[in-house]
Amino acid sequence: MAEKVKVKSGQTLSSIARDNNTTVSEIIAANPKFTTDPKYKGGNVVFSGTTVNIPTATPTGPTLATGPTLATGATLPTVTTLTPEQIAAQLLAAQNAANAANAAEAARIQAAADAEARRRAGQSAYDILLSEFNQYGLGSLVEPLKNLIQSGPSSAELTLALRATDAYQKRFAANKSRVSAGLSALNEAEYIRLEDQYQNVMRNYGLPASYYAKDTTGRQEGFERLIGFDVSATELEDRVLTAQQRVLNAAPEVTTALKQFYPDITNGDILAYTLDPSKGLAEIKRKVTAAEIGGAALGARLGATVGRAEELARYGVTAESARAGFGAIGGGLERGSQLASIYQQQPYTQTIAEEEVFNLPGQTDAQRKRKKIIGLEQAEFAGQTGITSGALGRERAGSF
């Protein structure tokens, strides 16, 4: 028959078992509600006022048995009487054993309570982390780690686990390219900050949104190539300016020359070409400068080849000097060619005119040829020809 007690404030099954000279396991066995009702959490939680059945041992009488028959001449063994000290020692040993069992049970209950507290703390940490990451569109990076976060890992363990997920590898894909190229990987803050700088540059210069629009995780594939090639926001702005101001917004002859000189650059891809980080910025500027020189020649109705334009660029001819120089050459080249033919002189060509106008090697000889033609014309018509007052008759060397 079981005795009933009511739980008082502060009591646990362990303390009730100790007070009633029984064990927690026997109390739980006598009270099925502790295992069937989830609110008691298997006996780890009890509430004030709860009725608890305390099991009591059923007394039993001694079992009488027939003793062995003594053989003839045999005597009974002597019964050893325990001293008070021995009895006390045995009682102490029994008490110590009971205390140890109760301590082990209390430790088990405390461990279960601690585990529950960690689970709740882990859930809270997960909710906080998920909320923070969602603000940056990165919630999908945290969701696969829910169980790990709830187990209460260290910050180092969590960081390593996060960076090993497929979602993280996809979101920060450029770091793999950087490492392969011998560059250091960017941390998450550096990576996102650089993406934001790219976006601001492209938006400020009016590029189509397709160049900088991000997906729900903040990822933009075009940015991955820029980051992988270690392109700074300053270099990106330089590339955009090169494409916009020196090609797309320049005279149409520049675009014509660029496509004529470099067939791999189509009109619709000029911007994409200049933003391609695999194309070096210096190489892009070299081609654009050659196109500007060629465009100036085409604008003056003169011939232009990629080889000659690149050569003039190497001699320091710029877009501005090319426009002025070819303007002068175009004003006198046709008449100079006619006079050279009339007076049976060496042909006066665009190349000869360029040597004089742009101060190239051969400048002195080119100037001499021009003056000789002028002299022949002056001698025949007593200095009254149109050429002496025209573009061919001007002293042009070094003026442009």
Protein backbone atom coordinates (compact mmCIF):
# COMPACT_ATOMS: atom_id res chain seq x y z
CA MET A 1 0.00 0.00 0.00
CA ALA A 2 1.36 3.41 -0.94
CA GLU A 3 1.44 6.52 1.23
CA LYS A 4 0.45 9.83 -0.40
CA VAL A 5 2.26 13.15 0.07
CA LYS A 6 1.83 16.54 -1.53
CA VAL A 7 4.80 18.28 -3.12
CA LYS A 8 5.92 21.39 -1.26
CA SER A 9 7.59 24.40 -2.87
CA GLY A 10 11.26 23.72 -3.60
CA GLN A 11 10.96 19.93 -3.35
CA THR A 12 12.11 17.55 -6.10
CA LEU A 13 11.52 13.84 -6.53
CA SER A 14 15.06 13.34 -5.30
CA SER A 15 14.44 15.16 -2.01
CA ILE A 16 11.03 13.43 -1.57
CA ALA A 17 12.67 10.04 -2.13
CA ARG A 18 15.36 10.86 0.42
CA ASP A 19 12.82 12.05 2.98
CA ASN A 20 10.75 8.87 2.59
CA ASN A 21 13.60 6.37 2.50
CA THR A 22 12.98 5.30 -1.08
CA THR A 23 14.37 6.05 -4.55
CA VAL A 24 13.28 8.27 -7.43
CA SER A 25 12.90 5.22 -9.67
CA GLU A 26 10.47 3.57 -7.22
CA ILE A 27 8.46 6.82 -6.92
CA ILE A 28 8.23 7.14 -10.72
CA ALA A 29 7.14 3.48 -10.93
CA ALA A 30 4.39 4.20 -8.37
CA ASN A 31 3.32 7.36 -10.23
CA PRO A 32 2.82 6.60 -13.98
CA LYS A 33 1.80 10.20 -14.66
CA PHE A 34 5.42 11.28 -14.41
CA THR A 35 6.21 9.32 -17.58
CA THR A 36 2.92 9.68 -19.46
CA ASP A 37 2.28 13.38 -18.91
CA PRO A 38 4.90 15.45 -20.86
CA LYS A 39 4.67 18.39 -18.46
CA TYR A 40 6.58 16.35 -15.82
CA LYS A 41 9.40 15.69 -18.35
CA GLY A 42 9.93 12.15 -17.12
CA GLY A 43 10.02 13.21 -13.47
CA ASN A 44 12.55 16.01 -13.95
CA VAL A 45 9.87 18.60 -13.15
CA VAL A 46 7.28 18.50 -10.32
CA PHE A 47 4.87 21.20 -9.21
CA SER A 48 3.77 22.35 -5.75
CA GLY A 49 0.57 20.63 -4.66
CA THR A 50 1.14 17.55 -6.83
CA THR A 51 0.09 14.34 -5.06
CA VAL A 52 2.84 11.74 -5.03
CA ASN A 53 2.37 8.08 -4.13
CA ILE A 54 5.17 6.88 -1.84
CA PRO A 55 5.69 3.12 -2.15
CA THR A 56 6.06 1.19 1.09
CA ALA A 57 7.57 -2.21 1.53
CA THR A 58 5.19 -5.05 2.43
CA PRO A 59 6.44 -6.75 5.61
CA THR A 60 6.93 -10.44 5.37
CA GLY A 61 7.54 -12.95 8.13
CA PRO A 62 10.66 -15.00 8.29
CA THR A 63 10.68 -18.19 6.28
CA LEU A 64 11.18 -21.19 8.45
CA ALA A 65 13.36 -23.86 7.08
CA THR A 66 14.55 -27.20 8.39
CA GLY A 67 18.16 -26.92 9.38
CA PRO A 68 20.74 -29.48 8.51
CA THR A 69 21.00 -32.60 10.65
CA LEU A 70 24.06 -32.64 12.78
CA ALA A 71 26.23 -35.67 12.47
CA THR A 72 27.07 -37.60 15.54
CA GLY A 73 29.71 -35.78 17.49
CA ALA A 74 29.35 -32.54 15.41
CA THR A 75 28.85 -29.17 17.04
CA LEU A 76 27.12 -25.96 15.83
CA PRO A 77 29.36 -23.16 14.61
CA THR A 78 29.94 -20.30 16.99
CA VAL A 79 27.74 -17.21 16.27
CA THR A 80 29.85 -14.05 15.95
CA THR A 81 28.44 -11.11 17.84
CA LEU A 82 29.07 -7.64 16.22
CA THR A 83 30.52 -4.98 18.35
CA PRO A 84 28.84 -1.55 18.53
CA GLU A 85 31.69 -0.11 16.47
CA GLN A 86 31.17 -2.66 13.69
CA ILE A 87 27.45 -2.01 13.62
CA ALA A 88 28.07 1.72 13.39
CA ALA A 89 30.54 1.17 10.53
CA GLN A 90 28.01 -0.91 8.61
CA LEU A 91 25.31 1.69 9.14
CA LEU A 92 27.67 4.43 7.97
CA ALA A 93 28.58 2.45 4.88
CA ALA A 94 24.90 1.96 4.06
CA GLN A 95 24.25 5.66 4.56
CA ASN A 96 27.16 6.58 2.34
CA ALA A 97 25.88 4.24 -0.38
CA ALA A 98 22.43 5.81 -0.17
CA ASN A 99 23.89 9.31 -0.30
CA ALA A 100 25.95 8.39 -3.35
CA ALA A 101 22.91 7.00 -5.12
CA ASN A 102 20.90 10.11 -4.31
CA ALA A 103 23.75 12.35 -5.50
CA ALA A 104 23.97 10.43 -8.77
CA GLU A 105 20.22 10.80 -9.26
CA ALA A 106 20.40 14.51 -8.48
CA ALA A 107 23.26 14.88 -10.97
CA ARG A 108 21.23 13.11 -13.62
CA ILE A 109 18.26 15.39 -13.05
CA GLN A 110 20.50 18.48 -13.09
CA ALA A 111 22.18 17.34 -16.31
CA ALA A 112 18.78 16.92 -17.94
CA ALA A 113 17.77 20.39 -16.76
CA ASP A 114 21.02 21.87 -18.07
CA ALA A 115 20.51 20.17 -21.43
CA GLU A 116 17.03 21.65 -21.65
CA ALA A 117 18.39 25.10 -20.78
CA ARG A 118 21.04 24.77 -23.50
CA ARG A 119 18.41 23.70 -26.00
CA ARG A 120 16.31 26.74 -25.21
CA ALA A 121 19.33 29.02 -25.35
CA GLY A 122 20.35 27.45 -28.66
CA GLN A 123 16.87 28.03 -30.06
CA SER A 124 17.07 31.65 -28.98
CA ALA A 125 20.54 32.03 -30.54
CA TYR A 126 19.29 30.50 -33.78
CA ASP A 127 16.29 32.83 -33.91
CA ILE A 128 18.51 35.87 -33.32
CA LEU A 129 21.09 34.79 -35.91
CA LEU A 130 18.43 33.98 -38.49
CA SER A 131 16.82 37.38 -37.99
CA GLU A 132 20.15 39.17 -38.40
CA PHE A 133 21.11 37.25 -41.55
CA ASN A 134 17.65 37.76 -43.07
CA GLN A 135 18.26 41.52 -42.98
CA TYR A 136 21.01 40.98 -45.55
CA GLY A 137 19.15 38.35 -47.55
CA LEU A 138 21.41 35.61 -46.13
CA GLY A 139 18.91 33.65 -44.06
CA SER A 140 19.40 30.58 -46.26
CA LEU A 141 22.98 30.33 -44.98
CA VAL A 142 21.82 29.86 -41.37
CA GLU A 143 18.88 27.48 -41.84
CA PRO A 144 20.97 24.33 -42.54
CA LEU A 145 22.85 24.90 -39.25
CA LYS A 146 19.82 25.00 -36.94
CA ASN A 147 20.65 21.80 -35.06
CA LEU A 148 24.28 22.79 -34.65
CA ILE A 149 23.41 26.27 -33.36
CA GLN A 150 20.95 24.82 -30.85
CA SER A 151 23.68 22.55 -29.48
CA GLY A 152 25.65 25.63 -28.39
CA PRO A 153 28.86 25.44 -30.47
CA SER A 154 31.78 27.83 -30.06
CA SER A 155 32.05 30.76 -32.45
CA ALA A 156 34.97 29.07 -34.23
CA GLU A 157 32.99 25.85 -34.71
CA LEU A 158 30.00 27.79 -36.02
CA THR A 159 32.15 29.82 -38.43
CA LEU A 160 33.80 26.71 -39.87
CA ALA A 161 30.47 24.93 -40.25
CA LEU A 162 28.89 27.97 -41.91
CA ARG A 163 31.68 28.34 -44.46
CA ALA A 164 31.47 24.65 -45.35
CA THR A 165 27.82 24.79 -46.44
CA ASP A 166 26.86 24.74 -50.13
CA ALA A 167 24.79 27.90 -49.68
CA TYR A 168 27.81 29.79 -48.31
CA GLN A 169 30.12 28.51 -51.05
CA LYS A 170 27.66 29.71 -53.68
CA ARG A 171 27.05 33.10 -52.05
CA PHE A 172 30.76 33.91 -51.72
CA ALA A 173 31.93 31.98 -54.79
CA ALA A 174 34.60 34.52 -55.83
CA ASN A 175 36.76 33.61 -52.84
CA LYS A 176 37.54 30.26 -54.47
CA SER A 177 38.80 32.06 -57.58
CA ARG A 178 40.85 34.44 -55.45
CA VAL A 179 42.54 31.61 -53.56
CA SER A 180 43.25 29.75 -56.83
CA ALA A 181 44.89 32.92 -58.16
CA GLY A 182 47.08 33.26 -55.07
CA LEU A 183 44.99 36.04 -53.53
CA SER A 184 43.65 36.04 -49.99
CA ALA A 185 39.97 35.27 -49.44
CA LEU A 186 37.82 38.18 -48.31
CA ASN A 187 35.82 37.91 -45.11
CA GLU A 188 32.07 38.31 -45.33
CA ALA A 189 32.05 42.02 -44.42
CA GLU A 190 34.79 42.89 -46.94
CA TYR A 191 33.05 40.88 -49.65
CA ILE A 192 29.65 42.49 -49.17
CA ARG A 193 31.17 45.99 -48.82
CA LEU A 194 32.95 45.60 -52.18
CA GLU A 195 29.73 44.42 -53.82
CA ASP A 196 27.94 47.50 -52.51
CA GLN A 197 30.69 49.74 -53.90
CA TYR A 198 30.40 48.10 -57.33
CA GLN A 199 26.64 48.60 -57.26
CA ASN A 200 26.97 52.28 -56.34
CA VAL A 201 29.45 52.94 -59.17
CA MET A 202 27.27 51.27 -61.79
CA ARG A 203 24.08 52.91 -60.56
CA ASN A 204 25.70 56.37 -60.39
CA TYR A 205 26.88 56.13 -64.01
CA GLY A 206 23.49 54.98 -65.24
CA LEU A 207 24.39 51.45 -66.28
CA PRO A 208 21.49 49.07 -66.97
CA ALA A 209 20.20 47.37 -63.82
CA SER A 210 21.14 43.99 -65.28
CA TYR A 211 24.77 44.87 -64.56
CA TYR A 212 24.27 45.22 -60.81
CA ALA A 213 20.89 43.71 -59.80
CA LYS A 214 21.28 41.04 -57.10
CA ASP A 215 19.28 37.90 -56.34
CA THR A 216 17.52 37.18 -53.05
CA THR A 217 20.80 36.25 -51.35
CA GLY A 218 22.54 39.45 -52.53
CA ARG A 219 24.54 37.56 -55.16
CA GLN A 220 25.45 39.13 -58.54
CA GLU A 221 27.35 36.84 -60.89
CA GLY A 222 29.08 39.73 -62.67
CA PHE A 223 30.49 40.91 -59.36
CA GLU A 224 32.03 37.49 -58.77
CA ARG A 225 34.37 37.94 -61.76
CA LEU A 226 35.34 41.43 -60.60
CA ILE A 227 36.08 40.21 -57.06
CA GLY A 228 37.88 37.12 -58.36
CA PHE A 229 40.21 39.32 -60.45
CA ASP A 230 40.75 41.70 -57.49
CA VAL A 231 39.19 44.71 -59.26
CA SER A 232 38.82 47.67 -56.89
CA ALA A 233 35.86 50.05 -56.98
CA THR A 234 38.24 52.74 -58.29
CA GLU A 235 39.37 50.56 -61.19
CA LEU A 236 35.76 49.67 -61.97
CA GLU A 237 34.89 53.37 -62.15
CA ASP A 238 37.87 53.94 -64.49
CA ARG A 239 36.62 51.16 -66.75
CA VAL A 240 33.10 52.58 -66.84
CA LEU A 241 34.43 56.07 -67.67
CA THR A 242 36.63 54.65 -70.44
CA ALA A 243 33.66 52.96 -72.05
CA GLN A 244 31.16 55.76 -71.61
CA GLN A 245 33.09 58.99 -72.12
CA ARG A 246 35.77 57.84 -74.56
CA VAL A 247 33.69 55.50 -76.73
CA LEU A 248 29.93 55.42 -76.24
CA ASN A 249 29.58 59.22 -75.83
CA ALA A 250 32.34 60.13 -78.30
CA ALA A 251 32.08 60.86 -82.03
CA PRO A 252 30.62 57.90 -83.94
CA GLU A 253 33.88 57.55 -85.88
CA VAL A 254 35.57 56.37 -82.68
CA THR A 255 33.11 53.49 -82.34
CA THR A 256 33.52 52.72 -86.04
CA ALA A 257 37.29 52.61 -85.70
CA LEU A 258 37.10 50.46 -82.54
CA LYS A 259 34.96 47.85 -84.27
CA GLN A 260 37.06 48.05 -87.45
CA PHE A 261 40.36 47.67 -85.62
CA TYR A 262 39.21 45.03 -83.11
CA PRO A 263 36.45 42.84 -84.61
CA ASP A 264 35.98 40.93 -81.35
CA ILE A 265 34.37 44.07 -79.87
CA THR A 266 30.85 44.53 -81.20
CA ASN A 267 28.82 47.68 -80.72
CA GLY A 268 26.51 46.12 -78.15
CA ASP A 269 29.41 44.67 -76.19
CA ILE A 270 31.65 47.71 -75.79
CA LEU A 271 30.56 48.27 -72.21
CA ALA A 272 30.67 44.57 -71.35
CA TYR A 273 34.13 44.33 -72.93
CA THR A 274 35.55 47.14 -70.83
CA LEU A 275 33.98 45.69 -67.66
CA ASP A 276 35.40 42.21 -68.29
CA PRO A 277 38.10 41.87 -65.59
CA SER A 278 39.98 39.30 -67.66
CA LYS A 279 40.81 42.15 -70.06
CA GLY A 280 43.52 44.28 -68.50
CA LEU A 281 42.59 47.94 -68.05
CA ALA A 282 45.85 49.10 -69.67
CA GLU A 283 45.10 46.94 -72.73
CA ILE A 284 41.56 48.33 -72.96
CA LYS A 285 42.84 51.91 -72.78
CA ARG A 286 45.45 51.16 -75.46
CA LYS A 287 42.74 49.95 -77.83
CA VAL A 288 40.47 52.88 -77.02
CA THR A 289 43.30 55.36 -77.68
CA ALA A 290 44.01 53.71 -81.02
CA ALA A 291 40.28 53.93 -81.85
CA GLU A 292 40.24 57.63 -80.93
CA ILE A 293 43.20 58.28 -83.26
CA GLY A 294 41.61 56.22 -86.03
CA GLY A 295 38.28 57.97 -85.46
CA ALA A 296 39.98 61.37 -85.85
CA ALA A 297 41.46 60.23 -89.17
CA LEU A 298 38.10 58.93 -90.37
CA GLY A 299 36.47 62.20 -89.31
CA ALA A 300 38.92 64.09 -91.53
CA ARG A 301 38.09 61.72 -94.41
CA LEU A 302 41.51 60.10 -94.22
CA GLY A 303 42.57 56.51 -94.07
CA ALA A 304 43.07 54.66 -90.78
CA THR A 305 44.58 51.29 -89.93
CA VAL A 306 44.99 49.65 -86.57
CA GLY A 307 48.74 49.29 -87.02
CA ARG A 308 49.26 52.97 -87.82
CA ALA A 309 46.90 54.15 -85.07
CA GLU A 310 48.69 52.05 -82.46
CA GLU A 311 52.03 53.32 -83.74
CA LEU A 312 50.90 56.96 -83.43
CA ALA A 313 49.68 56.19 -79.90
CA ARG A 314 53.10 54.83 -78.98
CA TYR A 315 54.61 58.14 -80.17
CA GLY A 316 52.35 59.96 -77.75
CA VAL A 317 49.58 61.10 -80.07
CA THR A 318 46.37 61.62 -78.09
CA ALA A 319 42.74 61.94 -79.12
CA GLU A 320 42.94 65.72 -78.97
CA SER A 321 46.18 66.05 -80.91
CA ALA A 322 44.91 63.50 -83.45
CA ARG A 323 41.78 65.57 -84.15
CA ALA A 324 43.83 68.75 -84.67
CA GLY A 325 46.58 67.03 -86.68
CA PHE A 326 44.34 65.07 -89.02
CA GLY A 327 42.23 68.19 -89.48
CA ALA A 328 45.33 69.98 -90.80
CA ILE A 329 46.44 67.04 -92.89
CA GLY A 330 43.02 66.64 -94.45
CA GLY A 331 43.03 70.30 -95.53
CA GLY A 332 46.17 69.99 -97.69
CA LEU A 333 46.82 66.34 -98.47
CA GLU A 334 44.73 66.13 -101.63
CA ARG A 335 46.29 69.26 -103.15
CA GLY A 336 49.79 68.17 -102.13
CA SER A 337 49.29 64.80 -103.81
CA GLN A 338 48.09 66.54 -106.99
CA LEU A 339 51.12 68.88 -107.12
CA ALA A 340 53.57 66.03 -106.46
CA SER A 341 52.08 64.25 -109.45
CA ILE A 342 52.07 67.38 -111.63
CA TYR A 343 55.73 68.14 -110.93
CA GLN A 344 56.71 64.49 -111.04
CA GLN A 345 57.91 64.44 -107.46
CA GLN A 346 57.86 61.57 -104.97
CA PRO A 347 54.21 61.05 -103.95
CA TYR A 348 53.09 63.25 -101.05
CA THR A 349 51.20 60.77 -98.88
CA GLN A 350 49.26 60.81 -95.65
CA THR A 351 52.16 59.02 -93.94
CA ILE A 352 54.59 61.78 -94.96
CA ALA A 353 52.17 64.44 -93.72
CA GLU A 354 51.75 62.59 -90.42
CA GLU A 355 55.52 62.47 -89.91
CA GLU A 356 55.71 66.24 -90.11
CA VAL A 357 52.52 67.11 -88.24
CA PHE A 358 53.00 64.66 -85.34
CA ASN A 359 56.80 65.15 -85.02
CA LEU A 360 57.57 61.55 -85.93
CA PRO A 361 60.89 60.14 -87.13
CA GLY A 362 61.34 61.46 -90.70
CA GLN A 363 59.81 64.81 -89.79
CA THR A 364 62.64 66.85 -91.37
CA ASP A 365 62.50 64.95 -94.65
CA ALA A 366 58.71 65.20 -94.74
CA GLN A 367 58.88 68.97 -94.20
CA ARG A 368 61.48 69.26 -96.97
CA LYS A 369 59.25 67.39 -99.43
CA ARG A 370 56.28 69.63 -98.63
CA LYS A 371 58.32 72.83 -99.05
CA LYS A 372 59.82 71.58 -102.32
CA ILE A 373 56.36 71.09 -103.80
CA ILE A 374 55.34 74.55 -102.61
CA GLY A 375 58.54 76.02 -104.10
CA LEU A 376 57.88 74.45 -107.50
CA GLU A 377 54.35 75.81 -107.53
CA GLN A 378 55.52 79.27 -106.47
CA ALA A 379 58.22 79.34 -109.12
CA GLU A 380 55.78 78.52 -111.90
CA PHE A 381 53.04 80.89 -110.86
CA ALA A 382 55.15 83.59 -109.19
CA GLY A 383 53.74 82.81 -105.75
CA GLN A 384 50.14 83.34 -106.73
CA THR A 385 48.80 79.85 -106.25
CA GLY A 386 46.12 78.89 -103.76
CA ILE A 387 48.37 76.35 -102.15
CA THR A 388 50.79 78.88 -100.66
CA SER A 389 47.96 80.45 -98.74
CA GLY A 390 46.27 77.19 -97.96
CA ALA A 391 46.73 74.37 -95.49
CA LEU A 392 49.70 72.83 -97.31
CA GLY A 393 51.62 76.12 -97.23
CA ARG A 394 51.44 76.58 -93.45
CA GLU A 395 54.33 75.77 -91.17
CA ARG A 396 52.75 72.84 -89.41
CA ALA A 397 55.52 70.85 -87.83
CA GLY A 398 55.32 70.81 -84.09
CA SER A 399 52.04 72.72 -84.01
CA PHE A 400 49.94 69.78 -83.00
